[in-house]
Amino acid sequence: MILAFIALAGLIITPFYLLHAGKKLLFRPDIMEDQEKKDTELLFEAYRSDDISAVRFGAIFFFRRFLMLLVLIFLPG
């Protein structure tokens, strides 16, 4: 049961973390350390680096998938 709550917390936090990391990469790259910047750029390497919609797309994509998963879990009930 504890593992389920930990997994649920991770699922809820992931889209918001992606949104935060992407905005930080776009708007404040000078305050990021080199390793942190490289790791964050890997998340968004297929997108244009000057476009906020790419960051939003990643967060919305994960949020939509998790919402569909929750609906499928609770729909039979």
PDB file of N, CA and C in Angstrom:
ATOM      1  N   MET A   1       0.816  -1.184   0.000  1.00  0.00           N
ATOM      2  CA  MET A   1       0.000   0.000   0.000  1.00  0.00           C
ATOM      3  C   MET A   1       0.866   1.256   0.000  1.00  0.00           C
ATOM      4  N   ILE A   2       1.935   1.219   0.761  1.00  0.00           N
ATOM      5  CA  ILE A   2       2.840   2.364   0.818  1.00  0.00           C
ATOM      6  C   ILE A   2       3.478   2.591  -0.550  1.00  0.00           C
ATOM      7  N   LEU A   3       3.862   1.518  -1.221  1.00  0.00           N
ATOM      8  CA  LEU A   3       4.445   1.632  -2.555  1.00  0.00           C
ATOM      9  C   LEU A   3       3.456   2.252  -3.543  1.00  0.00           C
ATOM     10  N   ALA A   4       2.189   1.914  -3.411  1.00  0.00           N
ATOM     11  CA  ALA A   4       1.165   2.492  -4.284  1.00  0.00           C
ATOM     12  C   ALA A   4       1.051   3.997  -4.065  1.00  0.00           C
ATOM     13  N   PHE A   5       1.107   4.436  -2.819  1.00  0.00           N
ATOM     14  CA  PHE A   5       1.039   5.872  -2.533  1.00  0.00           C
ATOM     15  C   PHE A   5       2.282   6.597  -3.032  1.00  0.00           C
ATOM     16  N   ILE A   6       3.430   5.964  -2.916  1.00  0.00           N
ATOM     17  CA  ILE A   6       4.665   6.564  -3.425  1.00  0.00           C
ATOM     18  C   ILE A   6       4.607   6.688  -4.946  1.00  0.00           C
ATOM     19  N   ALA A   7       4.116   5.646  -5.610  1.00  0.00           N
ATOM     20  CA  ALA A   7       3.986   5.683  -7.074  1.00  0.00           C
ATOM     21  C   ALA A   7       2.975   6.747  -7.499  1.00  0.00           C
ATOM     22  N   LEU A   8       1.880   6.866  -6.780  1.00  0.00           N
ATOM     23  CA  LEU A   8       0.882   7.880  -7.095  1.00  0.00           C
ATOM     24  C   LEU A   8       1.447   9.285  -6.918  1.00  0.00           C
ATOM     25  N   ALA A   9       2.203   9.497  -5.869  1.00  0.00           N
ATOM     26  CA  ALA A   9       2.831  10.802  -5.655  1.00  0.00           C
ATOM     27  C   ALA A   9       3.811  11.118  -6.791  1.00  0.00           C
ATOM     28  N   GLY A  10       4.562  10.116  -7.220  1.00  0.00           N
ATOM     29  CA  GLY A  10       5.472  10.320  -8.347  1.00  0.00           C
ATOM     30  C   GLY A  10       4.741  10.660  -9.631  1.00  0.00           C
ATOM     31  N   LEU A  11       3.607  10.003  -9.858  1.00  0.00           N
ATOM     32  CA  LEU A  11       2.817  10.286 -11.049  1.00  0.00           C
ATOM     33  C   LEU A  11       2.233  11.690 -11.026  1.00  0.00           C
ATOM     34  N   ILE A  12       1.861  12.149  -9.869  1.00  0.00           N
ATOM     35  CA  ILE A  12       1.291  13.493  -9.759  1.00  0.00           C
ATOM     36  C   ILE A  12       2.367  14.557  -9.895  1.00  0.00           C
ATOM     37  N   ILE A  13       3.542  14.314  -9.356  1.00  0.00           N
ATOM     38  CA  ILE A  13       4.611  15.312  -9.357  1.00  0.00           C
ATOM     39  C   ILE A  13       5.314  15.424 -10.709  1.00  0.00           C
ATOM     40  N   THR A  14       5.383  14.349 -11.475  1.00  0.00           N
ATOM     41  CA  THR A  14       6.153  14.323 -12.721  1.00  0.00           C
ATOM     42  C   THR A  14       5.790  15.424 -13.713  1.00  0.00           C
ATOM     43  N   PRO A  15       4.517  15.642 -14.070  1.00  0.00           N
ATOM     44  CA  PRO A  15       4.239  16.703 -15.050  1.00  0.00           C
ATOM     45  C   PRO A  15       4.626  18.088 -14.559  1.00  0.00           C
ATOM     46  N   PHE A  16       4.426  18.335 -13.270  1.00  0.00           N
ATOM     47  CA  PHE A  16       4.789  19.643 -12.730  1.00  0.00           C
ATOM     48  C   PHE A  16       6.304  19.830 -12.689  1.00  0.00           C
ATOM     49  N   TYR A  17       7.032  18.753 -12.428  1.00  0.00           N
ATOM     50  CA  TYR A  17       8.488  18.836 -12.458  1.00  0.00           C
ATOM     51  C   TYR A  17       8.979  19.131 -13.879  1.00  0.00           C
ATOM     52  N   LEU A  18       8.391  18.463 -14.870  1.00  0.00           N
ATOM     53  CA  LEU A  18       8.780  18.719 -16.255  1.00  0.00           C
ATOM     54  C   LEU A  18       8.512  20.157 -16.654  1.00  0.00           C
ATOM     55  N   LEU A  19       7.372  20.682 -16.250  1.00  0.00           N
ATOM     56  CA  LEU A  19       7.033  22.059 -16.563  1.00  0.00           C
ATOM     57  C   LEU A  19       8.011  23.019 -15.894  1.00  0.00           C
ATOM     58  N   HIS A  20       8.323  22.763 -14.644  1.00  0.00           N
ATOM     59  CA  HIS A  20       9.265  23.624 -13.915  1.00  0.00           C
ATOM     60  C   HIS A  20      10.668  23.557 -14.529  1.00  0.00           C
ATOM     61  N   ALA A  21      11.138  22.353 -14.823  1.00  0.00           N
ATOM     62  CA  ALA A  21      12.484  22.205 -15.387  1.00  0.00           C
ATOM     63  C   ALA A  21      12.580  22.851 -16.768  1.00  0.00           C
ATOM     64  N   GLY A  22      11.540  22.707 -17.574  1.00  0.00           N
ATOM     65  CA  GLY A  22      11.554  23.310 -18.898  1.00  0.00           C
ATOM     66  C   GLY A  22      11.528  24.819 -18.851  1.00  0.00           C
ATOM     67  N   LYS A  23      10.711  25.382 -17.967  1.00  0.00           N
ATOM     68  CA  LYS A  23      10.671  26.837 -17.832  1.00  0.00           C
ATOM     69  C   LYS A  23      11.995  27.371 -17.308  1.00  0.00           C
ATOM     70  N   LYS A  24      12.585  26.642 -16.398  1.00  0.00           N
ATOM     71  CA  LYS A  24      13.882  27.062 -15.862  1.00  0.00           C
ATOM     72  C   LYS A  24      14.942  27.041 -16.954  1.00  0.00           C
ATOM     73  N   LEU A  25      14.892  26.043 -17.822  1.00  0.00           N
ATOM     74  CA  LEU A  25      15.843  25.945 -18.922  1.00  0.00           C
ATOM     75  C   LEU A  25      15.637  27.069 -19.931  1.00  0.00           C
ATOM     76  N   LEU A  26      14.396  27.438 -20.192  1.00  0.00           N
ATOM     77  CA  LEU A  26      14.117  28.480 -21.170  1.00  0.00           C
ATOM     78  C   LEU A  26      14.393  29.883 -20.646  1.00  0.00           C
ATOM     79  N   PHE A  27      13.959  30.153 -19.429  1.00  0.00           N
ATOM     80  CA  PHE A  27      13.981  31.527 -18.940  1.00  0.00           C
ATOM     81  C   PHE A  27      15.147  31.857 -18.016  1.00  0.00           C
ATOM     82  N   ARG A  28      15.726  30.857 -17.353  1.00  0.00           N
ATOM     83  CA  ARG A  28      16.829  31.131 -16.425  1.00  0.00           C
ATOM     84  C   ARG A  28      17.964  30.120 -16.571  1.00  0.00           C
ATOM     85  N   PRO A  29      18.513  29.954 -17.762  1.00  0.00           N
ATOM     86  CA  PRO A  29      19.576  28.952 -17.921  1.00  0.00           C
ATOM     87  C   PRO A  29      20.895  29.355 -17.252  1.00  0.00           C
ATOM     88  N   ASP A  30      21.064  30.646 -16.961  1.00  0.00           N
ATOM     89  CA  ASP A  30      22.324  31.098 -16.376  1.00  0.00           C
ATOM     90  C   ASP A  30      22.492  30.690 -14.915  1.00  0.00           C
ATOM     91  N   ILE A  31      21.394  30.384 -14.206  1.00  0.00           N
ATOM     92  CA  ILE A  31      21.530  29.995 -12.801  1.00  0.00           C
ATOM     93  C   ILE A  31      21.662  28.482 -12.622  1.00  0.00           C
ATOM     94  N   MET A  32      21.557  27.742 -13.735  1.00  0.00           N
ATOM     95  CA  MET A  32      21.661  26.284 -13.653  1.00  0.00           C
ATOM     96  C   MET A  32      23.123  25.853 -13.712  1.00  0.00           C
ATOM     97  N   GLU A  33      23.444  24.797 -12.991  1.00  0.00           N
ATOM     98  CA  GLU A  33      24.777  24.227 -13.073  1.00  0.00           C
ATOM     99  C   GLU A  33      24.910  23.476 -14.392  1.00  0.00           C
ATOM    100  N   ASP A  34      26.145  23.204 -14.811  1.00  0.00           N
ATOM    101  CA  ASP A  34      26.374  22.579 -16.114  1.00  0.00           C
ATOM    102  C   ASP A  34      25.733  21.199 -16.214  1.00  0.00           C
ATOM    103  N   GLN A  35      25.895  20.367 -15.197  1.00  0.00           N
ATOM    104  CA  GLN A  35      25.333  19.019 -15.239  1.00  0.00           C
ATOM    105  C   GLN A  35      23.806  19.060 -15.230  1.00  0.00           C
ATOM    106  N   GLU A  36      23.241  19.943 -14.434  1.00  0.00           N
ATOM    107  CA  GLU A  36      21.785  20.079 -14.386  1.00  0.00           C
ATOM    108  C   GLU A  36      21.243  20.558 -15.729  1.00  0.00           C
ATOM    109  N   LYS A  37      21.962  21.470 -16.362  1.00  0.00           N
ATOM    110  CA  LYS A  37      21.544  21.980 -17.669  1.00  0.00           C
ATOM    111  C   LYS A  37      21.606  20.882 -18.730  1.00  0.00           C
ATOM    112  N   LYS A  38      22.650  20.062 -18.704  1.00  0.00           N
ATOM    113  CA  LYS A  38      22.764  18.955 -19.661  1.00  0.00           C
ATOM    114  C   LYS A  38      21.637  17.945 -19.474  1.00  0.00           C
ATOM    115  N   ASP A  39      21.344  17.612 -18.224  1.00  0.00           N
ATOM    116  CA  ASP A  39      20.275  16.643 -17.940  1.00  0.00           C
ATOM    117  C   ASP A  39      18.915  17.166 -18.376  1.00  0.00           C
ATOM    118  N   THR A  40      18.667  18.446 -18.149  1.00  0.00           N
ATOM    119  CA  THR A  40      17.395  19.031 -18.533  1.00  0.00           C
ATOM    120  C   THR A  40      17.282  19.150 -20.045  1.00  0.00           C
ATOM    121  N   GLU A  41      18.370  19.464 -20.720  1.00  0.00           N
ATOM    122  CA  GLU A  41      18.343  19.564 -22.181  1.00  0.00           C
ATOM    123  C   GLU A  41      18.035  18.214 -22.818  1.00  0.00           C
ATOM    124  N   LEU A  42      18.412  17.128 -22.163  1.00  0.00           N
ATOM    125  CA  LEU A  42      18.093  15.798 -22.691  1.00  0.00           C
ATOM    126  C   LEU A  42      16.587  15.552 -22.730  1.00  0.00           C
ATOM    127  N   LEU A  43      15.857  16.128 -21.784  1.00  0.00           N
ATOM    128  CA  LEU A  43      14.406  15.960 -21.773  1.00  0.00           C
ATOM    129  C   LEU A  43      13.742  16.646 -22.960  1.00  0.00           C
ATOM    130  N   PHE A  44      14.330  17.738 -23.413  1.00  0.00           N
ATOM    131  CA  PHE A  44      13.718  18.555 -24.457  1.00  0.00           C
ATOM    132  C   PHE A  44      14.580  18.650 -25.706  1.00  0.00           C
ATOM    133  N   GLU A  45      15.385  17.647 -25.986  1.00  0.00           N
ATOM    134  CA  GLU A  45      16.309  17.730 -27.104  1.00  0.00           C
ATOM    135  C   GLU A  45      15.613  17.686 -28.466  1.00  0.00           C
ATOM    136  N   ALA A  46      14.427  17.102 -28.547  1.00  0.00           N
ATOM    137  CA  ALA A  46      13.723  17.015 -29.833  1.00  0.00           C
ATOM    138  C   ALA A  46      12.907  18.273 -30.134  1.00  0.00           C
ATOM    139  N   TYR A  47      12.843  19.213 -29.201  1.00  0.00           N
ATOM    140  CA  TYR A  47      12.034  20.401 -29.377  1.00  0.00           C
ATOM    141  C   TYR A  47      12.916  21.629 -29.557  1.00  0.00           C
ATOM    142  N   ARG A  48      12.331  22.676 -30.071  1.00  0.00           N
ATOM    143  CA  ARG A  48      13.064  23.946 -30.193  1.00  0.00           C
ATOM    144  C   ARG A  48      13.347  24.485 -28.809  1.00  0.00           C
ATOM    145  N   SER A  49      14.517  25.004 -28.624  1.00  0.00           N
ATOM    146  CA  SER A  49      14.903  25.455 -27.287  1.00  0.00           C
ATOM    147  C   SER A  49      14.343  26.829 -26.935  1.00  0.00           C
ATOM    148  N   ASP A  50      13.758  27.532 -27.894  1.00  0.00           N
ATOM    149  CA  ASP A  50      13.239  28.860 -27.603  1.00  0.00           C
ATOM    150  C   ASP A  50      11.712  28.904 -27.570  1.00  0.00           C
ATOM    151  N   ASP A  51      11.083  27.742 -27.514  1.00  0.00           N
ATOM    152  CA  ASP A  51       9.628  27.682 -27.607  1.00  0.00           C
ATOM    153  C   ASP A  51       9.036  27.113 -26.324  1.00  0.00           C
ATOM    154  N   ILE A  52       8.172  27.886 -25.665  1.00  0.00           N
ATOM    155  CA  ILE A  52       7.555  27.445 -24.414  1.00  0.00           C
ATOM    156  C   ILE A  52       6.509  26.363 -24.662  1.00  0.00           C
ATOM    157  N   SER A  53       5.955  26.299 -25.863  1.00  0.00           N
ATOM    158  CA  SER A  53       4.923  25.291 -26.127  1.00  0.00           C
ATOM    159  C   SER A  53       5.488  23.870 -26.059  1.00  0.00           C
ATOM    160  N   ALA A  54       6.761  23.704 -26.350  1.00  0.00           N
ATOM    161  CA  ALA A  54       7.381  22.384 -26.225  1.00  0.00           C
ATOM    162  C   ALA A  54       7.417  21.942 -24.771  1.00  0.00           C
ATOM    163  N   VAL A  55       7.677  22.865 -23.889  1.00  0.00           N
ATOM    164  CA  VAL A  55       7.697  22.556 -22.457  1.00  0.00           C
ATOM    165  C   VAL A  55       6.291  22.216 -21.989  1.00  0.00           C
ATOM    166  N   ARG A  56       5.337  23.004 -22.410  1.00  0.00           N
ATOM    167  CA  ARG A  56       3.956  22.739 -22.022  1.00  0.00           C
ATOM    168  C   ARG A  56       3.470  21.408 -22.579  1.00  0.00           C
ATOM    169  N   PHE A  57       3.881  21.075 -23.797  1.00  0.00           N
ATOM    170  CA  PHE A  57       3.454  19.827 -24.404  1.00  0.00           C
ATOM    171  C   PHE A  57       3.887  18.634 -23.570  1.00  0.00           C
ATOM    172  N   GLY A  58       5.119  18.635 -23.096  1.00  0.00           N
ATOM    173  CA  GLY A  58       5.608  17.524 -22.278  1.00  0.00           C
ATOM    174  C   GLY A  58       4.807  17.357 -21.005  1.00  0.00           C
ATOM    175  N   ALA A  59       4.528  18.458 -20.337  1.00  0.00           N
ATOM    176  CA  ALA A  59       3.765  18.394 -19.093  1.00  0.00           C
ATOM    177  C   ALA A  59       2.325  17.962 -19.357  1.00  0.00           C
ATOM    178  N   ILE A  60       1.705  18.517 -20.381  1.00  0.00           N
ATOM    179  CA  ILE A  60       0.318  18.170 -20.697  1.00  0.00           C
ATOM    180  C   ILE A  60       0.220  16.717 -21.150  1.00  0.00           C
ATOM    181  N   PHE A  61       1.210  16.239 -21.901  1.00  0.00           N
ATOM    182  CA  PHE A  61       1.223  14.853 -22.361  1.00  0.00           C
ATOM    183  C   PHE A  61       1.206  13.895 -21.178  1.00  0.00           C
ATOM    184  N   PHE A  62       2.105  14.106 -20.219  1.00  0.00           N
ATOM    185  CA  PHE A  62       2.156  13.227 -19.052  1.00  0.00           C
ATOM    186  C   PHE A  62       0.889  13.342 -18.212  1.00  0.00           C
ATOM    187  N   PHE A  63       0.404  14.553 -18.011  1.00  0.00           N
ATOM    188  CA  PHE A  63      -0.798  14.747 -17.214  1.00  0.00           C
ATOM    189  C   PHE A  63      -1.996  14.059 -17.865  1.00  0.00           C
ATOM    190  N   ARG A  64      -2.112  14.158 -19.174  1.00  0.00           N
ATOM    191  CA  ARG A  64      -3.219  13.517 -19.890  1.00  0.00           C
ATOM    192  C   ARG A  64      -3.146  12.000 -19.767  1.00  0.00           C
ATOM    193  N   ARG A  65      -1.948  11.435 -19.909  1.00  0.00           N
ATOM    194  CA  ARG A  65      -1.796   9.982 -19.772  1.00  0.00           C
ATOM    195  C   ARG A  65      -2.142   9.501 -18.371  1.00  0.00           C
ATOM    196  N   PHE A  66      -1.700  10.237 -17.358  1.00  0.00           N
ATOM    197  CA  PHE A  66      -2.000   9.843 -15.991  1.00  0.00           C
ATOM    198  C   PHE A  66      -3.487   9.980 -15.693  1.00  0.00           C
ATOM    199  N   LEU A  67      -4.128  10.978 -16.249  1.00  0.00           N
ATOM    200  CA  LEU A  67      -5.557  11.149 -16.066  1.00  0.00           C
ATOM    201  C   LEU A  67      -6.329   9.999 -16.713  1.00  0.00           C
ATOM    202  N   MET A  68      -5.909   9.584 -17.909  1.00  0.00           N
ATOM    203  CA  MET A  68      -6.551   8.436 -18.549  1.00  0.00           C
ATOM    204  C   MET A  68      -6.358   7.168 -17.728  1.00  0.00           C
ATOM    205  N   LEU A  69      -5.183   7.009 -17.155  1.00  0.00           N
ATOM    206  CA  LEU A  69      -4.920   5.846 -16.311  1.00  0.00           C
ATOM    207  C   LEU A  69      -5.832   5.841 -15.082  1.00  0.00           C
ATOM    208  N   LEU A  70      -6.002   6.986 -14.451  1.00  0.00           N
ATOM    209  CA  LEU A  70      -6.891   7.063 -13.292  1.00  0.00           C
ATOM    210  C   LEU A  70      -8.340   6.777 -13.672  1.00  0.00           C
ATOM    211  N   VAL A  71      -8.775   7.266 -14.825  1.00  0.00           N
ATOM    212  CA  VAL A  71     -10.133   7.007 -15.266  1.00  0.00           C
ATOM    213  C   VAL A  71     -10.337   5.505 -15.517  1.00  0.00           C
ATOM    214  N   LEU A  72      -9.367   4.868 -16.134  1.00  0.00           N
ATOM    215  CA  LEU A  72      -9.490   3.440 -16.388  1.00  0.00           C
ATOM    216  C   LEU A  72      -9.479   2.606 -15.106  1.00  0.00           C
ATOM    217  N   ILE A  73      -8.773   3.078 -14.108  1.00  0.00           N
ATOM    218  CA  ILE A  73      -8.726   2.355 -12.838  1.00  0.00           C
ATOM    219  C   ILE A  73     -10.049   2.494 -12.083  1.00  0.00           C
ATOM    220  N   PHE A  74     -10.589   3.704 -12.040  1.00  0.00           N
ATOM    221  CA  PHE A  74     -11.776   3.954 -11.230  1.00  0.00           C
ATOM    222  C   PHE A  74     -13.086   3.822 -11.997  1.00  0.00           C
ATOM    223  N   LEU A  75     -13.050   3.668 -13.299  1.00  0.00           N
ATOM    224  CA  LEU A  75     -14.274   3.556 -14.084  1.00  0.00           C
ATOM    225  C   LEU A  75     -15.095   2.302 -13.760  1.00  0.00           C
ATOM    226  N   PRO A  76     -14.462   1.139 -13.598  1.00  0.00           N
ATOM    227  CA  PRO A  76     -15.268  -0.051 -13.274  1.00  0.00           C
ATOM    228  C   PRO A  76     -16.027   0.061 -11.953  1.00  0.00           C
ATOM    229  N   GLY A  77     -15.510   0.843 -11.025  1.00  0.00           N
ATOM    230  CA  GLY A  77     -16.150   0.989  -9.727  1.00  0.00           C
ATOM    231  C   GLY A  77     -17.371   1.855  -9.814  1.00  0.00           C
TER     232      GLY A  77
END
